[in-house]
Amino acid sequence: MPIPFQLTSPRFQNGEAIPVAYTCEGDDLPPPLHWEGEPPGTRSFALVMQDPDAPDPAHPKTTWTHWALYNLPPNLHDIPESMLRESLPEGAREALNDWKRMGYGGPCPPIGRHRYFYRVYALDTVLPDMGHVTWKQLERALEGHVLAQTELIGTYEKFNHSHQH
């Protein structure tokens, strides 16, 4: 039996708290991620991290995109611990996050415990370099090309409520 397409992190289990190191209260760099079991014919991966509970889990108004990557090569199965933008694999591209900047922005919930969805998409194509593209534009470009997707959910609630975002 082939293994199912799955996304894991050695730092937290699905549904568990994301360690502070990967948030705005820590180093604000991505957690290590590992995926495997993609279908045959996968030519690239896209990855997105989103918070559907923004700004307040009791009254969510928006899904906030923290990080979005595309054209991750098909032989790549890991995001290493605290990966810097400069060390993205050859050919990989970033989309803008909802702070209107490229790269990873860690969990920084203004109120309450938010859920953060890390999703990896296996695509049957390599996308063109779309420049300063938003997640919504990237999501449209993925349409019709997703062979499979998998997700990992982490949660975070701030310890220190003095700085907001």
N, C-alpha and C. Protein backbone atom coordinates (compact mmCIF):
# COMPACT_ATOMS: atom_id res chain seq x y z
N MET A 1 0.85 -1.21 0.00
CA MET A 1 0.00 0.00 0.00
C MET A 1 0.88 1.24 0.00
N PRO A 2 0.62 2.16 -0.93
CA PRO A 2 1.38 3.41 -0.86
C PRO A 2 0.96 4.22 0.37
N ILE A 3 1.90 4.98 0.91
CA ILE A 3 1.54 5.80 2.08
C ILE A 3 0.67 6.97 1.62
N PRO A 4 -0.23 7.43 2.46
CA PRO A 4 -1.05 8.58 2.09
C PRO A 4 -0.18 9.84 2.03
N PHE A 5 -0.62 10.80 1.25
CA PHE A 5 0.06 12.10 1.20
C PHE A 5 -0.12 12.75 2.56
N GLN A 6 0.99 13.05 3.23
CA GLN A 6 0.88 13.56 4.59
C GLN A 6 1.95 14.60 4.88
N LEU A 7 1.60 15.54 5.75
CA LEU A 7 2.47 16.63 6.16
C LEU A 7 2.65 16.55 7.68
N THR A 8 3.89 16.56 8.13
CA THR A 8 4.17 16.47 9.56
C THR A 8 5.26 17.47 9.93
N SER A 9 5.40 17.69 11.24
CA SER A 9 6.52 18.48 11.76
C SER A 9 7.10 17.73 12.95
N PRO A 10 8.43 17.69 13.05
CA PRO A 10 9.01 17.06 14.24
C PRO A 10 8.83 17.89 15.50
N ARG A 11 8.30 19.11 15.38
CA ARG A 11 8.20 20.01 16.53
C ARG A 11 6.81 20.06 17.16
N PHE A 12 5.78 19.69 16.42
CA PHE A 12 4.44 19.65 17.01
C PHE A 12 3.56 18.68 16.23
N GLN A 13 2.66 18.03 16.96
CA GLN A 13 1.71 17.11 16.34
C GLN A 13 0.51 17.89 15.81
N ASN A 14 -0.23 17.27 14.89
CA ASN A 14 -1.44 17.89 14.37
C ASN A 14 -2.38 18.26 15.52
N GLY A 15 -2.81 19.52 15.53
CA GLY A 15 -3.74 19.99 16.56
C GLY A 15 -3.07 20.52 17.82
N GLU A 16 -1.74 20.40 17.90
CA GLU A 16 -1.01 20.85 19.09
C GLU A 16 -0.52 22.29 18.92
N ALA A 17 0.00 22.86 20.01
CA ALA A 17 0.53 24.22 19.99
C ALA A 17 1.84 24.28 19.20
N ILE A 18 1.98 25.35 18.44
CA ILE A 18 3.23 25.63 17.72
C ILE A 18 4.23 26.21 18.72
N PRO A 19 5.44 25.67 18.79
CA PRO A 19 6.41 26.20 19.75
C PRO A 19 6.71 27.68 19.51
N VAL A 20 6.96 28.40 20.58
CA VAL A 20 7.11 29.87 20.53
C VAL A 20 8.23 30.31 19.58
N ALA A 21 9.24 29.47 19.38
CA ALA A 21 10.36 29.84 18.49
C ALA A 21 9.89 30.23 17.09
N TYR A 22 8.79 29.65 16.63
CA TYR A 22 8.34 29.85 15.24
C TYR A 22 7.28 30.95 15.14
N THR A 23 7.16 31.77 16.20
CA THR A 23 6.14 32.81 16.24
C THR A 23 6.79 34.18 16.37
N CYS A 24 5.95 35.23 16.37
CA CYS A 24 6.47 36.59 16.52
C CYS A 24 7.06 36.83 17.90
N GLU A 25 6.79 35.94 18.83
CA GLU A 25 7.37 36.07 20.17
C GLU A 25 8.71 35.32 20.27
N GLY A 26 9.08 34.66 19.18
CA GLY A 26 10.35 33.93 19.14
C GLY A 26 11.19 34.42 17.99
N ASP A 27 11.73 33.50 17.19
CA ASP A 27 12.61 33.86 16.08
C ASP A 27 11.85 34.24 14.82
N ASP A 28 10.53 33.95 14.80
CA ASP A 28 9.70 34.27 13.64
C ASP A 28 10.23 33.64 12.36
N LEU A 29 10.70 32.39 12.48
CA LEU A 29 11.15 31.62 11.31
C LEU A 29 10.33 30.34 11.27
N PRO A 30 10.23 29.73 10.08
CA PRO A 30 9.32 28.58 9.94
C PRO A 30 9.75 27.35 10.74
N PRO A 31 8.74 26.58 11.18
CA PRO A 31 9.06 25.29 11.81
C PRO A 31 9.53 24.31 10.74
N PRO A 32 10.25 23.27 11.15
CA PRO A 32 10.60 22.24 10.18
C PRO A 32 9.33 21.49 9.77
N LEU A 33 9.24 21.21 8.48
CA LEU A 33 8.08 20.49 7.93
C LEU A 33 8.58 19.35 7.06
N HIS A 34 7.81 18.28 7.02
CA HIS A 34 8.15 17.13 6.18
C HIS A 34 6.88 16.60 5.53
N TRP A 35 6.95 16.34 4.22
CA TRP A 35 5.81 15.71 3.55
C TRP A 35 6.28 14.55 2.70
N GLU A 36 5.37 13.62 2.49
CA GLU A 36 5.68 12.43 1.69
C GLU A 36 4.38 11.82 1.20
N GLY A 37 4.51 10.89 0.26
CA GLY A 37 3.34 10.17 -0.23
C GLY A 37 2.58 10.88 -1.33
N GLU A 38 3.26 11.85 -2.00
CA GLU A 38 2.59 12.55 -3.09
C GLU A 38 2.32 11.59 -4.25
N PRO A 39 1.29 11.89 -5.05
CA PRO A 39 0.94 10.99 -6.15
C PRO A 39 1.96 11.02 -7.28
N PRO A 40 2.01 9.94 -8.07
CA PRO A 40 2.86 9.93 -9.25
C PRO A 40 2.45 11.08 -10.17
N GLY A 41 3.43 11.63 -10.87
CA GLY A 41 3.13 12.72 -11.79
C GLY A 41 3.23 14.09 -11.15
N THR A 42 3.61 14.14 -9.86
CA THR A 42 3.81 15.44 -9.20
C THR A 42 5.03 16.13 -9.80
N ARG A 43 4.84 17.37 -10.27
CA ARG A 43 5.94 18.11 -10.89
C ARG A 43 6.42 19.27 -10.03
N SER A 44 5.62 19.69 -9.05
CA SER A 44 6.05 20.71 -8.10
C SER A 44 5.10 20.70 -6.91
N PHE A 45 5.51 21.39 -5.86
CA PHE A 45 4.67 21.56 -4.67
C PHE A 45 4.43 23.04 -4.43
N ALA A 46 3.26 23.35 -3.86
CA ALA A 46 3.00 24.68 -3.32
C ALA A 46 2.69 24.50 -1.85
N LEU A 47 3.01 25.52 -1.05
CA LEU A 47 2.80 25.44 0.39
C LEU A 47 2.19 26.75 0.85
N VAL A 48 1.19 26.66 1.72
CA VAL A 48 0.61 27.87 2.30
C VAL A 48 0.36 27.65 3.79
N MET A 49 0.53 28.72 4.57
CA MET A 49 0.19 28.70 5.99
C MET A 49 -0.83 29.81 6.22
N GLN A 50 -1.98 29.43 6.79
CA GLN A 50 -3.07 30.40 6.96
C GLN A 50 -3.74 30.27 8.32
N ASP A 51 -4.27 31.40 8.78
CA ASP A 51 -5.00 31.48 10.04
C ASP A 51 -6.45 31.85 9.72
N PRO A 52 -7.40 30.91 9.85
CA PRO A 52 -8.80 31.22 9.54
C PRO A 52 -9.52 31.93 10.69
N ASP A 53 -8.82 32.15 11.81
CA ASP A 53 -9.45 32.69 13.02
C ASP A 53 -9.15 34.17 13.25
N ALA A 54 -8.65 34.85 12.21
CA ALA A 54 -8.29 36.27 12.39
C ALA A 54 -9.53 37.16 12.33
N PRO A 55 -9.53 38.25 13.14
CA PRO A 55 -8.53 38.56 14.16
C PRO A 55 -8.83 37.90 15.50
N ASP A 56 -10.08 37.44 15.68
CA ASP A 56 -10.51 36.90 16.98
C ASP A 56 -11.27 35.60 16.73
N PRO A 57 -10.82 34.49 17.31
CA PRO A 57 -11.48 33.20 17.06
C PRO A 57 -12.98 33.22 17.39
N ALA A 58 -13.38 34.08 18.32
CA ALA A 58 -14.80 34.17 18.67
C ALA A 58 -15.60 34.88 17.57
N HIS A 59 -14.92 35.74 16.81
CA HIS A 59 -15.57 36.50 15.72
C HIS A 59 -14.63 36.58 14.52
N PRO A 60 -14.35 35.44 13.88
CA PRO A 60 -13.39 35.48 12.77
C PRO A 60 -13.95 36.30 11.60
N LYS A 61 -13.10 37.12 11.02
CA LYS A 61 -13.52 37.97 9.91
C LYS A 61 -12.75 37.68 8.63
N THR A 62 -11.58 37.07 8.76
CA THR A 62 -10.76 36.88 7.57
C THR A 62 -9.85 35.68 7.77
N THR A 63 -9.37 35.13 6.66
CA THR A 63 -8.31 34.12 6.71
C THR A 63 -7.01 34.84 6.37
N TRP A 64 -6.10 34.85 7.31
CA TRP A 64 -4.84 35.59 7.16
C TRP A 64 -3.76 34.65 6.65
N THR A 65 -3.15 35.03 5.52
CA THR A 65 -2.08 34.23 4.94
C THR A 65 -0.74 34.66 5.53
N HIS A 66 -0.04 33.70 6.16
CA HIS A 66 1.23 33.97 6.81
C HIS A 66 2.43 33.66 5.93
N TRP A 67 2.22 32.77 4.95
CA TRP A 67 3.37 32.29 4.18
C TRP A 67 2.83 31.55 2.98
N ALA A 68 3.44 31.74 1.82
CA ALA A 68 3.02 31.00 0.63
C ALA A 68 4.22 30.81 -0.29
N LEU A 69 4.43 29.57 -0.70
CA LEU A 69 5.53 29.20 -1.59
C LEU A 69 4.97 28.40 -2.75
N TYR A 70 5.63 28.51 -3.90
CA TYR A 70 5.25 27.64 -5.01
C TYR A 70 6.50 27.27 -5.80
N ASN A 71 6.31 26.31 -6.73
CA ASN A 71 7.42 25.77 -7.51
C ASN A 71 8.51 25.15 -6.64
N LEU A 72 8.08 24.57 -5.51
CA LEU A 72 9.02 23.74 -4.74
C LEU A 72 9.29 22.49 -5.56
N PRO A 73 10.55 22.11 -5.75
CA PRO A 73 10.84 21.00 -6.67
C PRO A 73 10.27 19.68 -6.19
N PRO A 74 9.96 18.77 -7.13
CA PRO A 74 9.26 17.52 -6.78
C PRO A 74 10.09 16.57 -5.92
N ASN A 75 11.43 16.76 -5.89
CA ASN A 75 12.26 15.90 -5.04
C ASN A 75 12.43 16.48 -3.64
N LEU A 76 11.83 17.66 -3.38
CA LEU A 76 11.93 18.29 -2.06
C LEU A 76 10.81 17.75 -1.16
N HIS A 77 11.17 17.35 0.04
CA HIS A 77 10.16 16.85 0.98
C HIS A 77 10.29 17.45 2.37
N ASP A 78 11.17 18.44 2.50
CA ASP A 78 11.41 19.04 3.81
C ASP A 78 11.63 20.54 3.71
N ILE A 79 11.05 21.26 4.66
CA ILE A 79 11.46 22.63 4.95
C ILE A 79 12.30 22.52 6.21
N PRO A 80 13.58 22.89 6.12
CA PRO A 80 14.42 22.72 7.32
C PRO A 80 14.06 23.72 8.41
N GLU A 81 14.45 23.40 9.61
CA GLU A 81 14.24 24.25 10.78
C GLU A 81 14.69 25.68 10.52
N SER A 82 13.80 26.66 10.81
CA SER A 82 14.16 28.08 10.75
C SER A 82 14.79 28.48 9.42
N MET A 83 14.25 27.93 8.33
CA MET A 83 14.79 28.22 7.00
C MET A 83 14.69 29.71 6.67
N LEU A 84 15.78 30.28 6.21
CA LEU A 84 15.78 31.67 5.77
C LEU A 84 15.36 31.75 4.31
N ARG A 85 14.80 32.88 3.93
CA ARG A 85 14.34 33.07 2.54
C ARG A 85 15.46 32.78 1.54
N GLU A 86 16.69 33.18 1.89
CA GLU A 86 17.81 33.03 0.96
C GLU A 86 18.12 31.56 0.67
N SER A 87 17.67 30.66 1.55
CA SER A 87 18.01 29.25 1.33
C SER A 87 16.88 28.45 0.71
N LEU A 88 15.92 29.14 0.09
CA LEU A 88 14.89 28.43 -0.67
C LEU A 88 15.55 27.62 -1.78
N PRO A 89 15.01 26.44 -2.09
CA PRO A 89 15.61 25.65 -3.17
C PRO A 89 15.52 26.37 -4.51
N GLU A 90 16.44 26.02 -5.39
CA GLU A 90 16.50 26.56 -6.75
C GLU A 90 15.13 26.49 -7.42
N GLY A 91 14.69 27.59 -7.99
CA GLY A 91 13.43 27.59 -8.73
C GLY A 91 12.20 27.90 -7.89
N ALA A 92 12.31 27.75 -6.56
CA ALA A 92 11.15 28.00 -5.70
C ALA A 92 10.84 29.49 -5.66
N ARG A 93 9.57 29.82 -5.55
CA ARG A 93 9.12 31.21 -5.53
C ARG A 93 8.23 31.45 -4.32
N GLU A 94 8.17 32.70 -3.88
CA GLU A 94 7.29 33.07 -2.77
C GLU A 94 6.18 33.98 -3.27
N ALA A 95 5.05 33.87 -2.64
CA ALA A 95 3.96 34.83 -2.86
C ALA A 95 3.95 35.78 -1.66
N LEU A 96 3.23 36.88 -1.81
CA LEU A 96 3.12 37.84 -0.71
C LEU A 96 2.24 37.26 0.40
N ASN A 97 2.63 37.53 1.64
CA ASN A 97 1.73 37.19 2.74
C ASN A 97 0.81 38.39 2.98
N ASP A 98 -0.07 38.28 3.96
CA ASP A 98 -1.06 39.35 4.16
C ASP A 98 -0.50 40.57 4.88
N TRP A 99 0.81 40.53 5.19
CA TRP A 99 1.49 41.77 5.61
C TRP A 99 2.05 42.47 4.39
N LYS A 100 1.74 41.92 3.19
CA LYS A 100 2.19 42.49 1.90
C LYS A 100 3.71 42.40 1.76
N ARG A 101 4.27 41.32 2.33
CA ARG A 101 5.70 41.11 2.13
C ARG A 101 5.94 39.64 1.80
N MET A 102 7.09 39.39 1.20
CA MET A 102 7.46 38.02 0.88
C MET A 102 7.98 37.35 2.15
N GLY A 103 7.88 36.03 2.17
CA GLY A 103 8.49 35.28 3.27
C GLY A 103 7.49 34.89 4.34
N TYR A 104 8.03 34.32 5.40
CA TYR A 104 7.26 33.75 6.50
C TYR A 104 6.98 34.82 7.54
N GLY A 105 5.74 34.89 7.99
CA GLY A 105 5.38 35.70 9.16
C GLY A 105 4.73 34.75 10.15
N GLY A 106 5.34 34.60 11.30
CA GLY A 106 4.87 33.60 12.27
C GLY A 106 3.57 33.99 12.95
N PRO A 107 2.97 33.05 13.66
CA PRO A 107 1.76 33.33 14.42
C PRO A 107 1.95 34.52 15.35
N CYS A 108 0.97 35.42 15.35
CA CYS A 108 1.04 36.62 16.18
C CYS A 108 -0.38 37.06 16.51
N PRO A 109 -1.20 36.16 17.10
CA PRO A 109 -2.63 36.46 17.23
C PRO A 109 -2.89 37.59 18.24
N PRO A 110 -3.71 38.57 17.86
CA PRO A 110 -4.00 39.66 18.79
C PRO A 110 -4.82 39.22 20.00
N ILE A 111 -5.66 38.21 19.83
CA ILE A 111 -6.51 37.76 20.94
C ILE A 111 -6.83 36.29 20.76
N GLY A 112 -6.81 35.55 21.86
CA GLY A 112 -7.28 34.16 21.82
C GLY A 112 -6.30 33.18 21.21
N ARG A 113 -6.74 31.92 21.16
CA ARG A 113 -5.95 30.84 20.57
C ARG A 113 -6.41 30.64 19.14
N HIS A 114 -5.50 30.85 18.19
CA HIS A 114 -5.82 30.71 16.77
C HIS A 114 -5.32 29.37 16.25
N ARG A 115 -5.94 28.93 15.16
CA ARG A 115 -5.48 27.73 14.46
C ARG A 115 -4.70 28.17 13.22
N TYR A 116 -3.62 27.45 12.94
CA TYR A 116 -2.78 27.75 11.79
C TYR A 116 -2.72 26.50 10.92
N PHE A 117 -3.16 26.66 9.68
CA PHE A 117 -3.22 25.53 8.75
C PHE A 117 -2.01 25.61 7.81
N TYR A 118 -1.16 24.61 7.89
CA TYR A 118 -0.08 24.45 6.91
C TYR A 118 -0.60 23.48 5.87
N ARG A 119 -0.59 23.87 4.59
CA ARG A 119 -1.08 22.98 3.54
C ARG A 119 -0.02 22.84 2.45
N VAL A 120 0.16 21.61 2.00
CA VAL A 120 1.03 21.36 0.85
C VAL A 120 0.17 20.78 -0.27
N TYR A 121 0.35 21.35 -1.45
CA TYR A 121 -0.36 20.92 -2.66
C TYR A 121 0.63 20.25 -3.59
N ALA A 122 0.28 19.06 -4.09
CA ALA A 122 1.06 18.40 -5.13
C ALA A 122 0.46 18.80 -6.48
N LEU A 123 1.29 19.37 -7.34
CA LEU A 123 0.80 19.90 -8.62
C LEU A 123 1.34 19.10 -9.79
N ASP A 124 0.54 19.07 -10.87
CA ASP A 124 0.95 18.34 -12.07
C ASP A 124 1.73 19.23 -13.03
N THR A 125 2.16 20.42 -12.56
CA THR A 125 2.84 21.37 -13.43
C THR A 125 3.84 22.19 -12.62
N VAL A 126 4.67 22.93 -13.34
CA VAL A 126 5.51 23.96 -12.72
C VAL A 126 4.92 25.28 -13.18
N LEU A 127 4.62 26.16 -12.24
CA LEU A 127 3.97 27.43 -12.57
C LEU A 127 4.99 28.45 -13.08
N PRO A 128 4.55 29.41 -13.88
CA PRO A 128 5.46 30.48 -14.28
C PRO A 128 5.80 31.34 -13.06
N ASP A 129 6.90 32.07 -13.13
CA ASP A 129 7.23 33.02 -12.07
C ASP A 129 6.24 34.17 -12.17
N MET A 130 5.41 34.34 -11.15
CA MET A 130 4.34 35.33 -11.22
C MET A 130 4.69 36.65 -10.55
N GLY A 131 5.97 36.79 -10.11
CA GLY A 131 6.38 38.06 -9.52
C GLY A 131 5.69 38.30 -8.18
N HIS A 132 5.28 39.54 -7.92
CA HIS A 132 4.64 39.89 -6.64
C HIS A 132 3.18 39.48 -6.66
N VAL A 133 2.96 38.21 -6.40
CA VAL A 133 1.62 37.64 -6.52
C VAL A 133 1.05 37.42 -5.11
N THR A 134 -0.25 37.63 -4.95
CA THR A 134 -0.89 37.35 -3.66
C THR A 134 -1.30 35.89 -3.61
N TRP A 135 -1.67 35.42 -2.41
CA TRP A 135 -2.15 34.04 -2.30
C TRP A 135 -3.40 33.83 -3.15
N LYS A 136 -4.31 34.81 -3.18
CA LYS A 136 -5.53 34.63 -3.97
C LYS A 136 -5.21 34.43 -5.45
N GLN A 137 -4.23 35.17 -5.95
CA GLN A 137 -3.82 35.00 -7.35
C GLN A 137 -3.14 33.64 -7.55
N LEU A 138 -2.31 33.27 -6.59
CA LEU A 138 -1.63 31.97 -6.67
C LEU A 138 -2.65 30.84 -6.61
N GLU A 139 -3.63 30.97 -5.72
CA GLU A 139 -4.67 29.94 -5.57
C GLU A 139 -5.40 29.73 -6.90
N ARG A 140 -5.68 30.83 -7.60
CA ARG A 140 -6.33 30.71 -8.92
C ARG A 140 -5.43 29.98 -9.91
N ALA A 141 -4.12 30.26 -9.85
CA ALA A 141 -3.17 29.60 -10.75
C ALA A 141 -3.07 28.10 -10.48
N LEU A 142 -3.36 27.69 -9.22
CA LEU A 142 -3.29 26.27 -8.87
C LEU A 142 -4.48 25.48 -9.42
N GLU A 143 -5.58 26.19 -9.70
CA GLU A 143 -6.82 25.51 -10.09
C GLU A 143 -6.60 24.60 -11.28
N GLY A 144 -7.09 23.38 -11.17
CA GLY A 144 -6.96 22.41 -12.24
C GLY A 144 -5.63 21.68 -12.25
N HIS A 145 -4.71 22.05 -11.32
CA HIS A 145 -3.39 21.42 -11.30
C HIS A 145 -3.11 20.64 -10.02
N VAL A 146 -4.05 20.64 -9.06
CA VAL A 146 -3.80 20.00 -7.77
C VAL A 146 -4.11 18.50 -7.87
N LEU A 147 -3.06 17.69 -7.73
CA LEU A 147 -3.24 16.23 -7.73
C LEU A 147 -3.67 15.73 -6.35
N ALA A 148 -3.16 16.40 -5.31
CA ALA A 148 -3.47 16.01 -3.93
C ALA A 148 -3.08 17.15 -3.02
N GLN A 149 -3.69 17.19 -1.83
CA GLN A 149 -3.25 18.15 -0.84
C GLN A 149 -3.29 17.51 0.54
N THR A 150 -2.49 18.06 1.44
CA THR A 150 -2.41 17.55 2.79
C THR A 150 -2.23 18.73 3.73
N GLU A 151 -2.63 18.56 4.98
CA GLU A 151 -2.50 19.70 5.90
C GLU A 151 -2.07 19.25 7.28
N LEU A 152 -1.49 20.21 7.99
CA LEU A 152 -1.07 20.06 9.37
C LEU A 152 -1.58 21.29 10.09
N ILE A 153 -2.25 21.10 11.22
CA ILE A 153 -2.82 22.23 11.96
C ILE A 153 -2.07 22.40 13.27
N GLY A 154 -1.62 23.63 13.52
CA GLY A 154 -1.03 23.98 14.81
C GLY A 154 -1.83 25.10 15.42
N THR A 155 -1.70 25.31 16.73
CA THR A 155 -2.42 26.40 17.38
C THR A 155 -1.42 27.30 18.09
N TYR A 156 -1.84 28.53 18.35
CA TYR A 156 -0.97 29.43 19.12
C TYR A 156 -1.80 30.49 19.81
N GLU A 157 -1.42 30.76 21.04
CA GLU A 157 -1.99 31.87 21.81
C GLU A 157 -0.82 32.60 22.43
N LYS A 158 -0.83 33.92 22.33
CA LYS A 158 0.30 34.70 22.82
C LYS A 158 0.43 34.61 24.34
N PHE A 159 1.68 34.58 24.78
CA PHE A 159 1.97 34.66 26.22
C PHE A 159 1.91 36.11 26.66
N ASN A 160 2.44 36.97 25.80
CA ASN A 160 2.62 38.37 26.15
C ASN A 160 1.69 39.19 25.28
N HIS A 161 0.70 39.82 25.89
CA HIS A 161 -0.30 40.52 25.11
C HIS A 161 0.02 41.99 24.92
N SER A 162 1.26 42.40 25.22
CA SER A 162 1.57 43.83 25.15
C SER A 162 1.74 44.30 23.70
N HIS A 163 2.32 43.46 22.82
CA HIS A 163 2.44 43.93 21.43
C HIS A 163 1.44 43.20 20.55
N GLN A 164 0.71 43.98 19.78
CA GLN A 164 -0.43 43.46 19.02
C GLN A 164 -0.06 43.29 17.56
N HIS A 165 -0.67 42.30 16.92
CA HIS A 165 -0.72 42.20 15.46
C HIS A 165 -1.44 40.91 15.12
